[in-house]
Amino acid sequence: MNSIWAVMQDGGRDPKIILHIGMQKTATTFLQWNVFHYLKVNYLWHIFYKPFFKGFLEPKKKVDLEKTKKIVPYYLENQKVNLISEENLYTSMFSKEDDRLIMLDRVKTVFPNAKIIFGTRDKDEILPSWYKEYVAVGGVLNYEDFLETHMNLDKLDYKPYINELRKHYGN
C-alpha cells in the first residue's frame, strides 16, 4: 500500500520550500509528471542535476554544503511555494550501505526550514518493484541473490528515519 507521510514545520521564512524526498517506487514519478508540473508553484525538477549540486546525491562524496546552501536561493521564487522533488534523497536504492542519515544531514543543512513529503510503501510490495527496476537496468541476478547482494532491508524500516525527520522538522 502506498502512503505519503508529511512532516511539516512553519519556518516562518520566505520563500517557502516543500521538499519531496521520495522514496523510489512510491509513485514519485507519477507525482512528478502528473501532479507537480500542474501545480501553481515554482517546481524545481532536476535541480539536483545542476553543477552546484554535483555529488550531493552520492553519500560517499564530500560536498560543500554551506556553498550549496548559498546557491539554492537563486533558484527560488519569493512569491510562490518552491517544490523540489528528488527520490534519491532518501537512500541509494541498490546499495547495501545505509546512507539514509547521511542524506538527511545534507537535507537538514541545505533546507533547514523546508516542509517535507516522504513517501513509503509496504516492504512486500516495494521489494519486487525494486527487483523489476534492477532487471530493467540490466541486472541478471535472481530475486534472492539480488536481495542478498544489493539490498539493505533495514532501509525499509522507516520508523528511525521518520523519528529523525520529526526531531528536526517537527510533526
Protein backbone atom coordinates (compact mmCIF):
# COMPACT_ATOMS: atom_id res chain seq x y z
CA MET A 1 0.00 0.00 0.00
CA ASN A 2 1.37 3.43 -0.96
CA SER A 3 1.23 6.25 1.50
CA ILE A 4 2.50 9.79 1.67
CA TRP A 5 3.71 10.93 5.04
CA ALA A 6 4.33 14.60 5.59
CA VAL A 7 6.35 16.28 8.29
CA MET A 8 5.82 19.99 8.46
CA GLN A 9 7.38 22.88 10.26
CA ASP A 10 6.47 26.50 9.76
CA GLY A 11 9.88 28.05 9.44
CA GLY A 12 8.24 31.45 9.15
CA ARG A 13 10.59 32.44 6.31
CA ASP A 14 10.03 33.11 2.66
CA PRO A 15 10.48 31.61 0.22
CA LYS A 16 8.65 28.53 1.37
CA ILE A 17 10.11 25.21 0.28
CA ILE A 18 8.41 21.84 0.04
CA LEU A 19 10.90 19.04 -0.39
CA HIS A 20 9.55 15.71 -1.69
CA ILE A 21 12.24 13.21 -0.74
CA GLY A 22 10.77 10.06 -2.14
CA MET A 23 11.45 7.19 -1.80
CA GLN A 24 11.82 5.28 -5.04
CA LYS A 25 8.86 3.19 -6.24
CA THR A 26 6.31 5.08 -4.13
CA ALA A 27 4.56 6.86 -7.02
CA THR A 28 7.23 9.58 -7.14
CA THR A 29 7.42 9.61 -10.94
CA PHE A 30 3.64 9.79 -11.16
CA LEU A 31 3.59 12.78 -8.80
CA GLN A 32 6.46 14.45 -10.62
CA TRP A 33 4.93 14.16 -14.10
CA ASN A 34 1.18 14.20 -13.43
CA VAL A 35 0.76 16.40 -10.37
CA PHE A 36 3.71 18.63 -9.57
CA HIS A 37 4.07 20.03 -13.11
CA TYR A 38 0.48 21.29 -12.95
CA LEU A 39 0.56 23.00 -9.57
CA LYS A 40 0.90 26.76 -9.36
CA VAL A 41 4.30 26.51 -7.71
CA ASN A 42 7.91 27.02 -8.68
CA TYR A 43 8.57 23.36 -9.46
CA LEU A 44 12.32 22.80 -9.42
CA TRP A 45 12.54 19.40 -11.02
CA HIS A 46 16.02 18.15 -11.79
CA ILE A 47 17.66 20.83 -9.61
CA PHE A 48 19.89 18.13 -8.12
CA TYR A 49 21.49 17.69 -11.52
CA LYS A 50 22.73 21.29 -11.63
CA PRO A 51 26.54 21.63 -11.32
CA PHE A 52 26.40 23.16 -7.84
CA PHE A 53 24.67 20.01 -6.53
CA LYS A 54 27.34 17.73 -8.02
CA GLY A 55 27.92 14.85 -5.63
CA PHE A 56 25.01 15.76 -3.33
CA LEU A 57 23.16 12.53 -4.18
CA GLU A 58 26.30 10.43 -3.72
CA PRO A 59 26.73 9.79 0.02
CA LYS A 60 30.42 8.85 -0.23
CA LYS A 61 31.37 12.12 -1.93
CA LYS A 62 32.40 15.15 0.06
CA VAL A 63 30.10 18.09 -0.63
CA ASP A 64 30.45 21.75 0.36
CA LEU A 65 27.01 22.07 1.93
CA GLU A 66 27.44 25.68 3.01
CA LYS A 67 28.31 26.72 -0.55
CA THR A 68 25.34 24.75 -1.88
CA LYS A 69 23.05 26.37 0.70
CA LYS A 70 24.13 29.82 -0.55
CA ILE A 71 23.43 28.98 -4.21
CA VAL A 72 19.96 27.43 -3.77
CA PRO A 73 18.15 30.78 -3.17
CA TYR A 74 19.00 31.93 -6.71
CA TYR A 75 16.57 29.27 -7.99
CA LEU A 76 13.77 30.07 -5.53
CA GLU A 77 10.84 32.40 -6.08
CA ASN A 78 9.73 34.50 -3.12
CA GLN A 79 6.14 34.89 -4.31
CA LYS A 80 5.48 31.17 -4.80
CA VAL A 81 5.88 27.93 -2.97
CA ASN A 82 9.05 26.23 -4.22
CA LEU A 83 8.60 22.49 -4.74
CA ILE A 84 11.62 20.22 -5.12
CA SER A 85 11.16 16.50 -5.72
CA GLU A 86 14.03 14.02 -5.66
CA GLU A 87 13.50 10.39 -4.69
CA ASN A 88 17.22 9.69 -4.27
CA LEU A 89 17.37 11.96 -1.22
CA TYR A 90 16.11 9.10 0.93
CA THR A 91 18.68 6.48 0.03
CA SER A 92 20.59 4.83 -2.78
CA MET A 93 18.25 2.11 -3.99
CA PHE A 94 20.75 -0.62 -4.87
CA SER A 95 23.25 -0.11 -2.07
CA LYS A 96 23.93 -2.27 0.95
CA GLU A 97 25.18 0.79 2.80
CA ASP A 98 22.62 2.52 5.00
CA ASP A 99 23.13 6.09 3.82
CA ARG A 100 19.77 7.47 4.91
CA LEU A 101 21.06 9.61 7.75
CA ILE A 102 23.98 10.93 5.69
CA MET A 103 21.49 12.14 3.11
CA LEU A 104 19.18 13.52 5.79
CA ASP A 105 22.06 15.51 7.32
CA ARG A 106 22.66 17.05 3.90
CA VAL A 107 18.98 17.88 3.53
CA LYS A 108 18.84 19.43 7.02
CA THR A 109 21.86 21.61 6.29
CA VAL A 110 20.76 22.92 2.89
CA PHE A 111 16.99 23.02 3.54
CA PRO A 112 16.65 23.64 7.29
CA ASN A 113 13.11 25.08 7.16
CA ALA A 114 11.55 23.02 4.39
CA LYS A 115 8.29 21.21 4.64
CA ILE A 116 8.93 17.53 3.95
CA ILE A 117 6.91 14.98 1.98
CA PHE A 118 8.16 11.43 2.44
CA GLY A 119 6.51 8.57 0.57
CA THR A 120 6.65 4.99 1.79
CA ARG A 121 5.45 1.63 0.55
CA ASP A 122 4.93 -1.73 2.21
CA LYS A 123 8.08 -3.89 2.11
CA ASP A 124 6.28 -6.82 0.48
CA GLU A 125 5.28 -4.56 -2.42
CA ILE A 126 8.38 -2.44 -2.83
CA LEU A 127 11.00 -5.20 -3.00
CA PRO A 128 9.54 -6.88 -6.12
CA SER A 129 9.21 -3.43 -7.69
CA TRP A 130 12.85 -2.62 -6.93
CA TYR A 131 13.85 -6.02 -8.37
CA LYS A 132 11.96 -5.24 -11.61
CA GLU A 133 13.84 -1.93 -11.80
CA TYR A 134 17.13 -3.76 -11.23
CA VAL A 135 16.38 -6.18 -14.10
CA ALA A 136 15.19 -3.31 -16.33
CA VAL A 137 18.58 -1.59 -15.99
CA GLY A 138 20.46 -4.78 -16.86
CA GLY A 139 20.64 -6.77 -13.61
CA VAL A 140 20.99 -10.52 -14.05
CA LEU A 141 20.74 -11.98 -10.54
CA ASN A 142 17.71 -13.97 -9.43
CA TYR A 143 15.47 -12.38 -6.80
CA GLU A 144 17.08 -13.99 -3.74
CA ASP A 145 20.63 -13.20 -4.91
CA PHE A 146 19.55 -9.65 -5.73
CA LEU A 147 18.31 -9.18 -2.17
CA GLU A 148 21.48 -10.69 -0.72
CA THR A 149 23.85 -8.75 -2.97
CA HIS A 150 22.23 -5.34 -3.38
CA MET A 151 19.65 -4.69 -0.72
CA ASN A 152 19.85 -3.50 2.85
CA LEU A 153 16.42 -4.34 4.20
CA ASP A 154 16.98 -2.09 7.23
CA LYS A 155 16.31 0.82 4.86
CA LEU A 156 12.72 -0.38 4.66
CA ASP A 157 12.30 0.16 8.39
CA TYR A 158 11.05 3.73 8.08
CA LYS A 159 10.48 4.43 11.76
CA PRO A 160 14.06 5.51 12.70
CA TYR A 161 14.17 7.81 9.68
CA ILE A 162 10.77 9.31 10.42
CA ASN A 163 11.87 9.86 14.02
CA GLU A 164 14.89 11.80 12.75
CA LEU A 165 12.64 13.84 10.47
CA ARG A 166 10.45 14.68 13.46
CA LYS A 167 13.45 15.70 15.57
CA HIS A 168 14.49 18.26 13.03
CA TYR A 169 11.31 19.30 11.25
CA GLY A 170 8.66 18.69 13.92
CA ASN A 171 5.30 16.97 13.49
